[in-house]
Amino acid sequence: MNTHPTPAAGAEATRGALITDRIQLALPRLSQAHQHIAHYILGNIEQVTHLSAAQLATAAGVSQPSVTRFCQALGLASYQALLLGVAEEVGHGNATLNRPLVGGLSPDDSLEQVANTLTRLDIDAMELVARQLDFAAIEAAAQMIAGARHTDVYGVGASGLIAQELELRLFRLGVPIRAWVETHAAATSAALRSSSDAIVAISASGRTRETYEALLTGKERGAKTIALTSDPASPVALVADLHLTTMGTGTTYRTASFAARHGQLLLVDILYTRIAQLDHDRALEAVAATAHIVTNHRVRDARPAQKDAE
């Protein structure tokens, strides 16, 4: 079996995306110089259409070759392709819908400012993920999990919480699934997978070594594989059969991996719902069969009943 990384299904979806969406998706993996260019474009989208590559480099405080490499990092053939994409987006009025995801917070910001900034960032991140949804890839992923003998979910750190969330939801539907967040256990489980099984690898960066290695082992054993990452060109995404895009923008106090959680949860919610739809009767039966469990474990109100006023 050929396990050399090739573009996963779903990875092509970003190629037709808006330029601002491409830039925001690429931000976590860009170099510092490229991030300067990205932030300048996102903050000055209409002005960029009138700038040469040299002028953009000067405005962003980088070298002209950095602008060329920035375009290549986005998968664009040239700076002219960048300008055409920006001009098209501005011409259709989409630029206002793709405001820059700026996450800077300072110790002097009020609690209200903090709440407003984080709310805007999380909503923007979820809307960006929604615009990038590859419905064919999501459908294939849902079918893959629904038809698998067993599904492993791998993730560590913040992504491990999302792995456990996916397990919690699908287990409630009666889907045979297990999340592995301890690396040795994940590696052991991956080695026991077969062509009847499925694997979901969750990594915000797509470069978490432990997740990558477990995914690769399972793939070599013949399992069908799905990746949830923010970077379709990352090692995890390239190994997987299917890639679903997530993203998040960090702040002064919050890393991108934590910020990605909202987009990841959106995808988990969509996958869960679609898998439930695929076997509607089983899903309803499973939910009904377990509904009493939570109710039976609720603590009764310990406050004494108040007598009616005489």
Protein backbone atom coordinates (compact mmCIF):
# COMPACT_ATOMS: atom_id res chain seq x y z
CA MET A 1 0.00 0.00 0.00
CA ASN A 2 1.28 3.45 -0.89
CA THR A 3 1.42 5.58 2.27
CA HIS A 4 3.45 8.44 0.85
CA PRO A 5 1.70 11.76 1.55
CA THR A 6 -0.53 12.91 -1.28
CA PRO A 7 -3.11 15.69 -1.18
CA ALA A 8 -6.11 14.47 0.80
CA ALA A 9 -9.61 14.81 -0.52
CA GLY A 10 -10.84 18.12 0.79
CA ALA A 11 -7.41 19.74 0.54
CA GLU A 12 -8.27 21.17 -2.86
CA ALA A 13 -11.22 23.09 -1.44
CA THR A 14 -9.11 26.05 -0.36
CA ARG A 15 -7.80 26.60 -3.87
CA GLY A 16 -11.06 28.24 -4.90
CA ALA A 17 -11.37 30.20 -1.67
CA LEU A 18 -11.42 33.96 -1.28
CA ILE A 19 -7.96 35.49 -0.99
CA THR A 20 -8.68 36.79 2.52
CA ASP A 21 -9.89 33.34 3.56
CA ARG A 22 -6.73 31.77 2.19
CA ILE A 23 -4.59 34.24 4.09
CA GLN A 24 -6.46 33.72 7.37
CA LEU A 25 -6.25 29.94 7.01
CA ALA A 26 -2.52 30.14 6.30
CA LEU A 27 -1.67 32.57 9.12
CA PRO A 28 -0.74 29.99 11.80
CA ARG A 29 1.93 28.42 9.57
CA LEU A 30 3.39 31.56 7.97
CA SER A 31 6.82 32.92 8.82
CA GLN A 32 7.08 36.21 10.69
CA ALA A 33 7.83 38.16 7.50
CA HIS A 34 4.90 36.55 5.70
CA GLN A 35 2.63 37.33 8.64
CA HIS A 36 3.57 41.01 8.30
CA ILE A 37 2.44 40.86 4.66
CA ALA A 38 -0.72 38.98 5.58
CA HIS A 39 -1.76 41.45 8.25
CA TYR A 40 -1.06 44.41 5.97
CA ILE A 41 -3.22 42.95 3.19
CA LEU A 42 -6.06 42.07 5.57
CA GLY A 43 -6.00 45.54 7.06
CA ASN A 44 -5.66 47.41 3.76
CA ILE A 45 -7.46 45.18 1.30
CA GLU A 46 -8.69 47.90 -1.06
CA GLN A 47 -5.36 49.75 -1.18
CA VAL A 48 -3.42 46.60 -2.07
CA THR A 49 -4.97 46.48 -5.55
CA HIS A 50 -2.98 49.60 -6.45
CA LEU A 51 0.39 48.43 -5.12
CA SER A 52 3.27 46.81 -6.94
CA ALA A 53 5.12 43.95 -5.25
CA ALA A 54 7.89 46.38 -4.28
CA GLN A 55 5.41 48.85 -2.83
CA LEU A 56 3.65 46.13 -0.83
CA ALA A 57 7.01 44.96 0.51
CA THR A 58 7.86 48.49 1.65
CA ALA A 59 4.44 49.00 3.24
CA ALA A 60 4.67 45.68 5.11
CA GLY A 61 8.30 46.25 6.12
CA VAL A 62 9.71 43.21 4.34
CA SER A 63 11.85 42.46 1.29
CA GLN A 64 10.39 42.10 -2.19
CA PRO A 65 11.44 38.41 -2.43
CA SER A 66 9.35 37.84 0.73
CA VAL A 67 6.27 39.00 -1.17
CA THR A 68 6.98 36.47 -3.93
CA ARG A 69 7.47 33.67 -1.39
CA PHE A 70 4.29 34.77 0.41
CA CYS A 71 2.29 34.25 -2.79
CA GLN A 72 3.84 30.82 -3.22
CA ALA A 73 2.95 29.94 0.39
CA LEU A 74 -0.68 30.66 -0.48
CA GLY A 75 -0.48 28.38 -3.50
CA LEU A 76 -0.58 31.28 -5.97
CA ALA A 77 1.46 31.28 -9.16
CA SER A 78 2.50 34.93 -8.97
CA TYR A 79 1.96 38.31 -7.35
CA GLN A 80 -0.34 39.15 -10.24
CA ALA A 81 -2.56 36.23 -9.20
CA LEU A 82 -2.73 37.72 -5.72
CA LEU A 83 -3.75 41.12 -7.13
CA LEU A 84 -6.41 39.56 -9.33
CA GLY A 85 -7.86 37.67 -6.39
CA VAL A 86 -7.89 40.76 -4.19
CA ALA A 87 -9.45 42.89 -6.96
CA GLU A 88 -12.16 40.30 -7.55
CA GLU A 89 -12.96 40.12 -3.85
CA VAL A 90 -13.11 43.91 -3.49
CA GLY A 91 -15.20 44.16 -6.65
CA HIS A 92 -17.79 41.76 -5.29
CA GLY A 93 -17.90 43.53 -1.94
CA ASN A 94 -16.62 40.49 -0.08
CA ALA A 95 -13.72 42.28 1.57
CA THR A 96 -15.96 43.77 4.23
CA LEU A 97 -17.07 40.26 5.17
CA ASN A 98 -13.50 39.14 5.73
CA ARG A 99 -12.11 41.65 8.18
CA PRO A 100 -8.68 40.85 9.64
CA LEU A 101 -8.65 38.54 12.61
CA VAL A 102 -6.62 40.70 14.99
CA GLY A 103 -6.23 39.18 18.41
CA GLY A 104 -4.00 41.57 20.30
CA LEU A 105 -4.94 42.09 23.95
CA SER A 106 -3.11 44.16 26.54
CA PRO A 107 -3.16 44.22 30.36
CA ASP A 108 -4.93 47.59 30.15
CA ASP A 109 -7.91 46.29 28.17
CA SER A 110 -11.17 46.31 30.09
CA LEU A 111 -13.07 43.11 30.70
CA GLU A 112 -15.67 44.33 28.20
CA GLN A 113 -12.96 44.82 25.55
CA VAL A 114 -11.62 41.33 26.24
CA ALA A 115 -15.08 39.81 25.91
CA ASN A 116 -15.85 41.72 22.70
CA THR A 117 -12.50 40.83 21.11
CA LEU A 118 -12.75 37.13 21.91
CA THR A 119 -16.37 36.95 20.83
CA ARG A 120 -15.56 38.56 17.47
CA LEU A 121 -12.54 36.31 16.92
CA ASP A 122 -14.48 33.14 17.70
CA ILE A 123 -17.44 34.11 15.52
CA ASP A 124 -15.12 35.09 12.67
CA ALA A 125 -13.24 31.81 12.98
CA MET A 126 -16.44 29.76 12.84
CA GLU A 127 -17.73 31.76 9.87
CA LEU A 128 -14.42 31.23 8.08
CA VAL A 129 -14.59 27.48 8.69
CA ALA A 130 -18.19 27.52 7.45
CA ARG A 131 -17.15 29.25 4.21
CA GLN A 132 -14.45 26.61 3.68
CA LEU A 133 -16.66 23.56 4.26
CA ASP A 134 -16.07 20.84 1.70
CA PHE A 135 -19.41 19.07 1.80
CA ALA A 136 -18.21 16.18 -0.34
CA ALA A 137 -15.33 15.52 2.08
CA ILE A 138 -17.61 15.82 5.12
CA GLU A 139 -20.13 13.44 3.57
CA ALA A 140 -17.35 10.95 2.78
CA ALA A 141 -16.01 11.26 6.34
CA ALA A 142 -19.46 10.65 7.84
CA GLN A 143 -19.99 7.61 5.60
CA MET A 144 -16.52 6.34 6.52
CA ILE A 145 -17.16 6.54 10.27
CA ALA A 146 -20.73 5.22 10.04
CA GLY A 147 -19.56 2.18 8.07
CA ALA A 148 -16.44 1.39 10.09
CA ARG A 149 -16.14 -1.60 12.40
CA HIS A 150 -14.38 0.72 14.85
CA THR A 151 -13.13 4.32 14.80
CA ASP A 152 -10.06 5.63 16.62
CA VAL A 153 -9.70 9.35 17.32
CA TYR A 154 -6.22 10.73 18.02
CA GLY A 155 -5.39 14.10 19.52
CA VAL A 156 -3.13 15.50 22.24
CA GLY A 157 -3.31 18.65 24.33
CA ALA A 158 -6.13 20.98 23.28
CA SER A 159 -6.93 18.73 20.32
CA GLY A 160 -7.28 15.82 22.74
CA LEU A 161 -10.31 17.55 24.25
CA ILE A 162 -11.92 17.71 20.80
CA ALA A 163 -11.11 14.02 20.27
CA GLN A 164 -12.91 13.21 23.52
CA GLU A 165 -15.85 15.38 22.48
CA LEU A 166 -16.22 13.45 19.21
CA GLU A 167 -16.06 10.18 21.13
CA LEU A 168 -18.67 11.38 23.64
CA ARG A 169 -21.14 12.40 20.95
CA LEU A 170 -20.83 9.37 18.67
CA PHE A 171 -20.69 6.88 21.55
CA ARG A 172 -24.11 8.21 22.56
CA LEU A 173 -25.38 7.16 19.13
CA GLY A 174 -24.02 3.64 19.54
CA VAL A 175 -21.09 4.22 17.16
CA PRO A 176 -18.07 2.04 18.10
CA ILE A 177 -15.47 4.75 18.75
CA ARG A 178 -12.61 5.47 21.15
CA ALA A 179 -10.55 8.63 21.67
CA TRP A 180 -6.89 8.10 22.52
CA VAL A 181 -5.08 11.05 24.10
CA GLU A 182 -2.21 9.11 25.68
CA THR A 183 0.47 8.58 23.04
CA HIS A 184 1.53 5.01 23.88
CA ALA A 185 -2.07 3.84 23.99
CA ALA A 186 -2.77 5.61 20.69
CA ALA A 187 0.23 3.94 19.06
CA THR A 188 -0.88 0.54 20.36
CA SER A 189 -4.42 0.98 19.09
CA ALA A 190 -3.19 2.22 15.70
CA ALA A 191 -1.08 -0.93 15.31
CA LEU A 192 -4.22 -3.05 15.78
CA ARG A 193 -6.33 -1.30 13.15
CA SER A 194 -7.32 -2.86 9.83
CA SER A 195 -9.07 -2.02 6.57
CA SER A 196 -12.42 -2.36 8.38
CA ASP A 197 -11.57 0.54 10.69
CA ALA A 198 -11.45 4.33 10.49
CA ILE A 199 -9.17 6.90 12.10
CA VAL A 200 -9.77 10.59 12.84
CA ALA A 201 -6.61 12.61 13.56
CA ILE A 202 -7.14 16.03 15.13
CA SER A 203 -4.32 18.57 15.18
CA ALA A 204 -4.73 22.32 14.86
CA SER A 205 -1.31 22.69 13.25
CA GLY A 206 -1.33 19.35 11.47
CA ARG A 207 2.23 18.87 12.69
CA THR A 208 1.84 17.21 16.10
CA ARG A 209 4.33 14.35 15.98
CA GLU A 210 2.42 11.92 18.21
CA THR A 211 -0.80 12.38 16.24
CA TYR A 212 1.03 12.08 12.92
CA GLU A 213 2.82 8.87 13.93
CA ALA A 214 -0.36 7.18 15.20
CA LEU A 215 -2.21 8.22 12.04
CA LEU A 216 0.60 6.90 9.82
CA THR A 217 0.69 3.58 11.68
CA GLY A 218 -3.05 3.13 11.30
CA LYS A 219 -2.87 4.07 7.63
CA GLU A 220 -0.14 1.47 7.05
CA ARG A 221 -2.41 -1.11 8.66
CA GLY A 222 -5.06 -0.28 6.06
CA ALA A 223 -7.43 1.90 8.09
CA LYS A 224 -9.36 4.69 6.36
CA THR A 225 -8.18 8.07 7.61
CA ILE A 226 -9.56 11.56 8.23
CA ALA A 227 -7.66 14.67 9.34
CA LEU A 228 -8.99 17.80 11.04
CA THR A 229 -6.33 20.51 10.75
CA SER A 230 -5.95 24.18 9.84
CA ASP A 231 -3.30 23.46 7.21
CA PRO A 232 -4.12 21.28 4.17
CA ALA A 233 -0.39 21.16 3.35
CA SER A 234 0.60 19.79 6.78
CA PRO A 235 1.98 16.27 7.30
CA VAL A 236 -1.18 15.06 9.08
CA ALA A 237 -3.43 16.39 6.32
CA LEU A 238 -1.28 14.94 3.54
CA VAL A 239 -1.23 11.44 5.04
CA ALA A 240 -5.01 11.28 5.54
CA ASP A 241 -7.48 10.11 2.90
CA LEU A 242 -9.78 13.03 3.76
CA HIS A 243 -8.99 16.49 5.12
CA LEU A 244 -11.45 18.80 6.89
CA THR A 245 -10.30 22.38 7.47
CA THR A 246 -10.44 24.07 10.86
CA MET A 247 -8.82 27.28 12.01
CA GLY A 248 -8.49 29.73 14.87
CA THR A 249 -6.67 32.96 15.57
CA GLY A 250 -4.65 33.33 18.73
CA THR A 251 -4.42 36.33 21.00
CA THR A 252 -1.82 37.70 23.37
CA TYR A 253 -2.91 35.14 25.95
CA ARG A 254 -4.43 32.41 23.81
CA THR A 255 -2.56 30.22 21.35
CA ALA A 256 -3.98 29.34 17.94
CA SER A 257 -4.46 25.74 19.08
CA PHE A 258 -6.90 26.87 21.75
CA ALA A 259 -8.57 29.33 19.39
CA ALA A 260 -9.10 26.57 16.83
CA ARG A 261 -11.41 24.76 19.22
CA HIS A 262 -14.56 26.58 18.05
CA GLY A 263 -13.99 25.66 14.41
CA GLN A 264 -13.15 22.09 15.40
CA LEU A 265 -16.32 21.83 17.47
CA LEU A 266 -18.35 23.12 14.54
CA LEU A 267 -16.99 20.32 12.35
CA VAL A 268 -17.57 17.77 15.11
CA ASP A 269 -21.16 18.96 15.41
CA ILE A 270 -21.73 18.70 11.66
CA LEU A 271 -20.14 15.23 11.50
CA TYR A 272 -22.15 14.01 14.49
CA THR A 273 -25.42 15.24 13.01
CA ARG A 274 -24.71 13.78 9.58
CA ILE A 275 -23.77 10.39 11.05
CA ALA A 276 -27.00 10.44 13.06
CA GLN A 277 -28.94 11.18 9.86
CA LEU A 278 -27.31 8.27 8.04
CA ASP A 279 -28.87 5.82 10.50
CA HIS A 280 -31.82 7.83 11.74
CA ASP A 281 -33.66 4.98 13.46
CA ARG A 282 -30.60 3.74 15.34
CA ALA A 283 -29.73 7.28 16.44
CA LEU A 284 -33.19 7.94 17.84
CA GLU A 285 -33.26 4.56 19.54
CA ALA A 286 -29.85 5.14 21.13
CA VAL A 287 -30.76 8.62 22.36
CA ALA A 288 -34.05 7.34 23.78
CA ALA A 289 -32.36 4.38 25.46
CA THR A 290 -29.88 6.63 27.30
CA ALA A 291 -32.05 9.68 28.00
CA HIS A 292 -32.98 8.48 31.49
CA ILE A 293 -29.34 8.20 32.63
CA VAL A 294 -28.75 11.91 33.09
CA THR A 295 -32.22 12.45 34.57
CA ASN A 296 -31.74 9.70 37.16
CA HIS A 297 -28.49 11.26 38.35
CA ARG A 298 -29.81 14.73 38.99
CA VAL A 299 -29.75 15.92 42.58
CA ARG A 300 -33.17 16.85 43.84
CA ASP A 301 -33.79 20.35 45.10
CA ALA A 302 -32.80 20.27 48.76
CA ARG A 303 -34.50 23.53 49.65
CA PRO A 304 -37.62 23.14 51.81
CA ALA A 305 -40.84 23.77 49.98
CA GLN A 306 -42.28 27.14 50.82
CA LYS A 307 -45.76 27.16 52.28
CA ASP A 308 -48.36 29.25 50.60
CA ALA A 309 -48.77 32.59 52.31
CA GLU A 310 -51.80 32.59 54.55
